[in-house]
């Protein structure tokens, strides 16, 4: 098993029906953990990469009624070093 985290930004406030659908999404084989951050409006999912991929997880969240806007990079972009010694 290879566990991977993916994070998505969502819009809107998830209602009761979406919350129930997300709770049921935890029962999908390969989903290990799902957590919402309502302040940042993100959802992070830990999943088994031998069973699922980020696109499938995103589709699962959209199917649950969560308004996914974008995938959030978990590793910040690194600045490119400029060689000034010439």
Protein backbone atom coordinates (compact mmCIF):
# COMPACT_ATOMS: atom_id res chain seq x y z
CA UNK A 1 0.00 0.00 0.00
CA UNK A 2 1.20 3.47 -0.93
CA UNK A 3 -0.57 6.24 0.93
CA UNK A 4 -0.76 9.67 -0.67
CA UNK A 5 -2.39 12.93 0.41
CA UNK A 6 -4.20 15.25 -1.95
CA UNK A 7 -5.82 18.55 -1.04
CA UNK A 8 -8.58 20.40 -2.89
CA UNK A 9 -10.01 23.88 -2.43
CA UNK A 10 -13.79 24.05 -2.51
CA UNK A 11 -16.38 26.80 -2.75
CA UNK A 12 -19.62 27.21 -0.86
CA UNK A 13 -20.52 25.84 2.53
CA UNK A 14 -21.16 22.08 2.59
CA UNK A 15 -24.66 21.35 3.85
CA UNK A 16 -25.95 18.31 5.72
CA UNK A 17 -26.44 16.24 2.56
CA UNK A 18 -22.86 16.90 1.43
CA UNK A 19 -21.53 16.11 4.91
CA UNK A 20 -23.37 12.79 4.87
CA UNK A 21 -22.08 11.98 1.37
CA UNK A 22 -18.52 12.80 2.45
CA UNK A 23 -18.90 10.57 5.51
CA UNK A 24 -19.99 7.76 3.17
CA UNK A 25 -17.00 8.49 0.91
CA UNK A 26 -14.76 7.30 3.73
CA UNK A 27 -16.22 3.84 3.08
CA UNK A 28 -14.81 3.77 -0.46
CA UNK A 29 -12.09 1.15 -0.66
CA UNK A 30 -8.77 3.01 -0.77
CA UNK A 31 -9.86 6.16 1.08
CA UNK A 32 -8.02 6.19 4.40
CA UNK A 33 -8.82 9.63 5.86
CA UNK A 34 -10.81 12.69 4.87
CA UNK A 35 -10.71 16.04 6.67
CA UNK A 36 -12.31 19.41 5.97
CA UNK A 37 -10.74 22.73 6.89
CA UNK A 38 -13.71 25.10 6.84
CA UNK A 39 -11.55 28.18 7.52
CA UNK A 40 -9.32 27.63 4.47
CA UNK A 41 -12.12 25.90 2.53
CA UNK A 42 -9.98 22.88 1.76
CA UNK A 43 -10.47 19.15 2.01
CA UNK A 44 -7.52 16.79 2.43
CA UNK A 45 -7.82 13.14 1.55
CA UNK A 46 -5.35 10.39 2.37
CA UNK A 47 -5.78 7.50 -0.04
CA UNK A 48 -4.13 4.32 -1.26
CA UNK A 49 -2.39 5.21 -4.53
CA UNK A 50 -2.37 1.57 -5.63
CA UNK A 51 -6.19 1.74 -5.75
CA UNK A 52 -7.03 5.37 -6.60
CA UNK A 53 -5.50 8.51 -8.08
CA UNK A 54 -6.04 12.25 -7.44
CA UNK A 55 -8.46 12.61 -10.35
CA UNK A 56 -10.63 9.77 -9.05
CA UNK A 57 -10.63 11.23 -5.53
CA UNK A 58 -11.59 14.66 -6.93
CA UNK A 59 -14.43 13.06 -8.89
CA UNK A 60 -15.61 11.28 -5.76
CA UNK A 61 -15.72 14.58 -3.87
CA UNK A 62 -17.57 16.30 -6.71
CA UNK A 63 -20.01 13.40 -6.84
CA UNK A 64 -20.66 13.93 -3.13
CA UNK A 65 -21.74 17.48 -3.97
CA UNK A 66 -18.65 19.36 -2.82
CA UNK A 67 -17.86 22.29 -5.14
CA UNK A 68 -14.22 21.51 -5.95
CA UNK A 69 -12.43 24.52 -7.43
CA UNK A 70 -8.81 23.35 -7.67
CA UNK A 71 -6.19 20.94 -6.40
CA UNK A 72 -3.85 22.59 -3.91
CA UNK A 73 -0.12 21.90 -4.15
CA UNK A 74 1.03 20.35 -0.87
CA UNK A 75 4.67 21.15 -1.57
CA UNK A 76 5.20 24.89 -2.07
CA UNK A 77 6.90 25.96 -5.27
CA UNK A 78 10.64 26.37 -4.70
CA UNK A 79 12.41 29.51 -5.89
CA UNK A 80 14.79 29.01 -8.77
CA UNK A 81 18.40 29.81 -7.91
CA UNK A 82 19.98 32.27 -10.31
CA UNK A 83 23.70 31.84 -10.93
CA UNK A 84 25.18 35.36 -10.80
CA UNK A 85 28.83 34.26 -10.84
CA UNK A 86 29.97 34.77 -14.43
